[in-house]
C-alpha cells in the first residue's frame, strides 16, 4: 500500500504580518490577532491550519469566536469566511505587485 507524505503546514510570517496590519473584519478596530480559521480537514487535533486561513480579528471578537464557536460567530456577524479569506490573500498578493 502506498503511503502519502504528511501535509507540511504552510507558514509565512510575512503573510501573518500583513493580516495583522488589517483592521478587524467585524468592527474595524486596528489592533488585531491573526485568527486561523479551522474548516473541515484543514487542521487536525493540536494542529493549526495553514497561515493563508488567517483573518484579522480584534481580541474581543477573537475571544467571542472561541466562546460560541466559529459557525455561530460568523453567522451572527454575517461574514462569508471564504470570501474574507480570498480577500485577504488577494490583498496580500496585490501588495507584492506594488
N, C-alpha and C. Protein backbone atom coordinates (compact mmCIF):
# COMPACT_ATOMS: atom_id res chain seq x y z
N UNK A 1 0.83 -1.18 0.00
CA UNK A 1 0.00 0.00 0.00
C UNK A 1 0.88 1.25 0.00
N UNK A 2 0.56 2.20 -0.87
CA UNK A 2 1.34 3.42 -0.99
C UNK A 2 0.98 4.39 0.12
N UNK A 3 1.98 4.92 0.79
CA UNK A 3 1.71 5.92 1.83
C UNK A 3 1.90 7.31 1.24
N UNK A 4 1.08 8.24 1.71
CA UNK A 4 1.14 9.61 1.25
C UNK A 4 1.95 10.44 2.23
N UNK A 5 2.73 11.39 1.69
CA UNK A 5 3.51 12.23 2.61
C UNK A 5 2.60 13.08 3.48
N UNK A 6 3.04 13.31 4.70
CA UNK A 6 2.29 14.14 5.63
C UNK A 6 2.27 15.59 5.12
N UNK A 7 1.12 16.22 5.25
CA UNK A 7 0.98 17.61 4.81
C UNK A 7 1.89 18.50 5.64
N UNK A 8 2.70 19.29 4.97
CA UNK A 8 3.56 20.25 5.67
C UNK A 8 2.83 21.58 5.72
N UNK A 9 2.58 22.06 6.90
CA UNK A 9 1.84 23.30 7.12
C UNK A 9 2.56 24.48 6.47
N UNK A 10 1.78 25.30 5.71
CA UNK A 10 2.34 26.49 5.08
C UNK A 10 2.40 27.60 6.12
N UNK A 11 3.61 28.07 6.39
CA UNK A 11 3.82 29.14 7.36
C UNK A 11 4.43 30.34 6.65
N UNK A 12 3.96 31.51 6.99
CA UNK A 12 4.51 32.72 6.40
C UNK A 12 4.41 33.88 7.39
N UNK A 13 5.50 34.18 8.08
CA UNK A 13 5.49 35.32 8.99
C UNK A 13 5.12 36.63 8.28
N UNK A 14 5.53 36.77 7.01
CA UNK A 14 5.21 37.97 6.24
C UNK A 14 3.70 38.08 6.00
N UNK A 15 3.07 36.96 5.69
CA UNK A 15 1.63 36.99 5.45
C UNK A 15 0.89 37.31 6.75
N UNK A 16 1.29 36.70 7.86
CA UNK A 16 0.65 36.98 9.14
C UNK A 16 0.84 38.44 9.55
N UNK A 17 1.99 39.01 9.22
CA UNK A 17 2.22 40.44 9.49
C UNK A 17 1.24 41.28 8.68
N UNK A 18 1.02 40.89 7.42
CA UNK A 18 0.05 41.60 6.58
C UNK A 18 -1.36 41.49 7.19
N UNK A 19 -1.75 40.29 7.61
CA UNK A 19 -3.08 40.09 8.21
C UNK A 19 -3.23 40.98 9.44
N UNK A 20 -2.19 41.04 10.26
CA UNK A 20 -2.25 41.86 11.48
C UNK A 20 -2.24 43.35 11.19
N UNK A 21 -1.87 43.74 9.98
CA UNK A 21 -1.88 45.17 9.61
C UNK A 21 -3.26 45.63 9.14
N UNK A 22 -4.17 44.68 8.97
CA UNK A 22 -5.53 44.99 8.51
C UNK A 22 -6.46 45.17 9.71
N UNK A 23 -7.54 45.93 9.54
CA UNK A 23 -8.49 46.10 10.65
C UNK A 23 -9.35 44.86 10.87
N UNK A 24 -9.94 44.76 12.03
CA UNK A 24 -10.84 43.66 12.38
C UNK A 24 -11.96 43.58 11.34
N UNK A 25 -12.23 42.39 10.84
CA UNK A 25 -13.28 42.23 9.82
C UNK A 25 -14.68 42.41 10.40
N UNK A 26 -14.80 42.45 11.72
CA UNK A 26 -16.10 42.63 12.36
C UNK A 26 -16.36 44.10 12.69
N UNK A 27 -15.42 44.72 13.41
CA UNK A 27 -15.68 46.08 13.92
C UNK A 27 -14.74 47.15 13.39
N UNK A 28 -13.68 46.77 12.67
CA UNK A 28 -12.75 47.75 12.12
C UNK A 28 -11.66 48.21 13.07
N UNK A 29 -11.63 47.64 14.28
CA UNK A 29 -10.59 48.01 15.26
C UNK A 29 -9.21 47.69 14.68
N UNK A 30 -8.23 48.54 14.96
CA UNK A 30 -6.90 48.41 14.33
C UNK A 30 -5.99 47.35 14.94
N UNK A 31 -6.10 47.09 16.24
CA UNK A 31 -5.23 46.10 16.88
C UNK A 31 -5.91 44.74 16.80
N UNK A 32 -5.31 43.82 16.03
CA UNK A 32 -5.95 42.53 15.77
C UNK A 32 -5.02 41.35 16.01
N UNK A 33 -5.65 40.18 16.13
CA UNK A 33 -4.94 38.90 16.12
C UNK A 33 -5.12 38.30 14.73
N UNK A 34 -4.20 37.48 14.33
CA UNK A 34 -4.36 36.70 13.10
C UNK A 34 -5.06 35.40 13.50
N UNK A 35 -6.36 35.37 13.32
CA UNK A 35 -7.17 34.22 13.74
C UNK A 35 -7.16 33.17 12.63
N UNK A 36 -6.69 31.97 12.94
CA UNK A 36 -6.67 30.87 11.98
C UNK A 36 -8.02 30.15 12.00
N UNK A 37 -8.68 30.12 10.85
CA UNK A 37 -10.00 29.51 10.71
C UNK A 37 -9.84 28.02 10.41
N UNK A 38 -10.45 27.22 11.25
CA UNK A 38 -10.47 25.77 11.01
C UNK A 38 -11.69 25.43 10.18
N UNK A 39 -11.47 24.63 9.14
CA UNK A 39 -12.58 24.22 8.28
C UNK A 39 -12.38 22.77 7.87
N UNK A 40 -13.29 21.93 8.30
CA UNK A 40 -13.29 20.51 7.97
C UNK A 40 -11.91 19.89 8.17
N UNK A 41 -11.18 19.63 7.10
CA UNK A 41 -9.93 18.88 7.24
C UNK A 41 -8.67 19.72 7.07
N UNK A 42 -8.75 21.05 7.23
CA UNK A 42 -7.55 21.86 7.05
C UNK A 42 -6.64 21.85 8.27
N UNK A 43 -7.07 21.21 9.34
CA UNK A 43 -6.24 21.10 10.55
C UNK A 43 -6.73 19.93 11.37
N UNK A 44 -5.82 19.34 12.09
CA UNK A 44 -6.19 18.22 12.94
C UNK A 44 -6.13 18.61 14.41
N UNK A 45 -6.24 17.63 15.25
CA UNK A 45 -6.14 17.86 16.67
C UNK A 45 -4.75 18.40 16.99
N UNK A 46 -4.72 19.50 17.71
CA UNK A 46 -3.46 20.15 18.12
C UNK A 46 -2.62 20.57 16.91
N UNK A 47 -3.27 20.83 15.79
CA UNK A 47 -2.57 21.26 14.59
C UNK A 47 -3.26 22.50 14.02
N UNK A 48 -2.52 23.57 13.90
CA UNK A 48 -3.05 24.84 13.41
C UNK A 48 -3.17 24.78 11.88
N UNK A 49 -4.21 25.43 11.31
CA UNK A 49 -4.33 25.48 9.85
C UNK A 49 -3.20 26.28 9.22
N UNK A 50 -3.05 26.13 7.91
CA UNK A 50 -2.06 26.90 7.17
C UNK A 50 -2.31 28.39 7.39
N UNK A 51 -1.27 29.20 7.25
CA UNK A 51 -1.39 30.63 7.52
C UNK A 51 -2.33 31.35 6.56
N UNK A 52 -2.56 30.83 5.36
CA UNK A 52 -3.49 31.52 4.46
C UNK A 52 -4.94 31.37 4.90
N UNK A 53 -5.19 30.66 5.99
CA UNK A 53 -6.52 30.59 6.60
C UNK A 53 -6.67 31.60 7.74
N UNK A 54 -5.81 32.62 7.79
CA UNK A 54 -5.85 33.61 8.88
C UNK A 54 -6.66 34.84 8.49
N UNK A 55 -7.45 35.34 9.44
CA UNK A 55 -8.23 36.55 9.27
C UNK A 55 -7.93 37.52 10.41
N UNK A 56 -7.99 38.82 10.13
CA UNK A 56 -7.76 39.80 11.20
C UNK A 56 -9.00 39.98 12.06
N UNK A 57 -8.89 39.63 13.33
CA UNK A 57 -10.00 39.76 14.27
C UNK A 57 -9.44 40.35 15.57
N UNK A 58 -10.10 41.39 16.07
CA UNK A 58 -9.64 42.02 17.32
C UNK A 58 -9.76 41.02 18.47
N UNK A 59 -9.08 41.31 19.56
CA UNK A 59 -9.05 40.41 20.71
C UNK A 59 -10.46 40.10 21.23
N UNK A 60 -11.32 41.10 21.33
CA UNK A 60 -12.68 40.90 21.82
C UNK A 60 -13.44 39.91 20.94
N UNK A 61 -13.38 40.10 19.63
CA UNK A 61 -14.09 39.20 18.72
C UNK A 61 -13.41 37.84 18.62
N UNK A 62 -12.10 37.80 18.78
CA UNK A 62 -11.37 36.53 18.79
C UNK A 62 -11.86 35.67 19.96
N UNK A 63 -11.99 36.27 21.13
CA UNK A 63 -12.48 35.55 22.30
C UNK A 63 -13.93 35.10 22.10
N UNK A 64 -14.75 35.99 21.54
CA UNK A 64 -16.14 35.62 21.26
C UNK A 64 -16.21 34.42 20.33
N UNK A 65 -15.36 34.42 19.30
CA UNK A 65 -15.33 33.31 18.35
C UNK A 65 -15.06 31.99 19.07
N UNK A 66 -14.10 31.99 19.95
CA UNK A 66 -13.75 30.76 20.67
C UNK A 66 -14.83 30.36 21.68
N UNK A 67 -15.57 31.33 22.21
CA UNK A 67 -16.62 31.03 23.19
C UNK A 67 -17.86 30.42 22.54
N UNK A 68 -18.29 30.96 21.40
CA UNK A 68 -19.55 30.50 20.81
C UNK A 68 -19.37 29.56 19.61
N UNK A 69 -18.15 29.42 19.13
CA UNK A 69 -17.89 28.54 18.00
C UNK A 69 -17.89 29.30 16.68
N UNK A 70 -17.06 28.84 15.77
CA UNK A 70 -16.86 29.59 14.52
C UNK A 70 -18.11 29.71 13.67
N UNK A 71 -18.90 28.65 13.56
CA UNK A 71 -20.09 28.71 12.71
C UNK A 71 -21.08 29.74 13.22
N UNK A 72 -21.38 29.70 14.52
CA UNK A 72 -22.31 30.66 15.12
C UNK A 72 -21.74 32.07 15.03
N UNK A 73 -20.43 32.21 15.30
CA UNK A 73 -19.78 33.51 15.28
C UNK A 73 -19.90 34.18 13.91
N UNK A 74 -19.49 33.48 12.86
CA UNK A 74 -19.50 34.08 11.53
C UNK A 74 -20.92 34.30 11.02
N UNK A 75 -21.84 33.42 11.40
CA UNK A 75 -23.24 33.61 11.01
C UNK A 75 -23.82 34.84 11.72
N UNK A 76 -23.55 34.97 13.01
CA UNK A 76 -24.04 36.11 13.80
C UNK A 76 -23.59 37.44 13.20
N UNK A 77 -22.37 37.48 12.72
CA UNK A 77 -21.80 38.73 12.20
C UNK A 77 -21.93 38.86 10.68
N UNK A 78 -22.60 37.90 10.04
CA UNK A 78 -22.85 37.98 8.60
C UNK A 78 -21.59 37.93 7.76
N UNK A 79 -20.63 37.11 8.18
CA UNK A 79 -19.34 37.03 7.48
C UNK A 79 -19.30 35.76 6.63
N UNK A 80 -18.97 35.93 5.34
CA UNK A 80 -18.69 34.80 4.45
C UNK A 80 -17.20 34.50 4.59
N UNK A 81 -16.88 33.45 5.32
CA UNK A 81 -15.49 33.14 5.68
C UNK A 81 -14.60 33.02 4.44
N UNK A 82 -15.05 32.27 3.45
CA UNK A 82 -14.20 32.05 2.29
C UNK A 82 -14.03 33.31 1.44
N UNK A 83 -15.03 34.16 1.40
CA UNK A 83 -14.90 35.43 0.71
C UNK A 83 -13.86 36.29 1.42
N UNK A 84 -13.89 36.30 2.75
CA UNK A 84 -12.91 37.09 3.52
C UNK A 84 -11.50 36.52 3.37
N UNK A 85 -11.38 35.19 3.40
CA UNK A 85 -10.06 34.58 3.22
C UNK A 85 -9.50 34.93 1.84
N UNK A 86 -10.36 34.85 0.82
CA UNK A 86 -9.93 35.19 -0.54
C UNK A 86 -9.51 36.65 -0.62
N UNK A 87 -10.29 37.52 0.02
CA UNK A 87 -9.97 38.96 0.02
C UNK A 87 -8.60 39.21 0.66
N UNK A 88 -8.30 38.50 1.75
CA UNK A 88 -7.01 38.68 2.42
C UNK A 88 -5.86 38.23 1.53
N UNK A 89 -5.98 37.04 0.98
CA UNK A 89 -4.90 36.52 0.13
C UNK A 89 -4.72 37.40 -1.10
N UNK A 90 -5.83 37.82 -1.69
CA UNK A 90 -5.79 38.68 -2.87
C UNK A 90 -5.10 40.01 -2.55
N UNK A 91 -5.46 40.62 -1.42
CA UNK A 91 -4.83 41.87 -0.99
C UNK A 91 -3.34 41.71 -0.77
N UNK A 92 -2.95 40.59 -0.20
CA UNK A 92 -1.53 40.31 0.05
C UNK A 92 -0.77 40.18 -1.27
N UNK A 93 -1.35 39.47 -2.21
CA UNK A 93 -0.70 39.27 -3.50
C UNK A 93 -0.60 40.59 -4.27
N UNK A 94 -1.64 41.42 -4.22
CA UNK A 94 -1.61 42.72 -4.89
C UNK A 94 -0.57 43.63 -4.25
N UNK A 95 -0.44 43.54 -2.94
CA UNK A 95 0.55 44.35 -2.23
C UNK A 95 1.95 44.02 -2.73
N UNK A 96 2.20 42.75 -3.02
CA UNK A 96 3.50 42.32 -3.52
C UNK A 96 3.81 42.84 -4.91
N UNK A 97 2.76 43.21 -5.67
CA UNK A 97 2.96 43.71 -7.02
C UNK A 97 3.36 45.18 -7.05
N UNK A 98 3.15 45.88 -5.93
CA UNK A 98 3.43 47.32 -5.89
C UNK A 98 4.91 47.62 -6.01
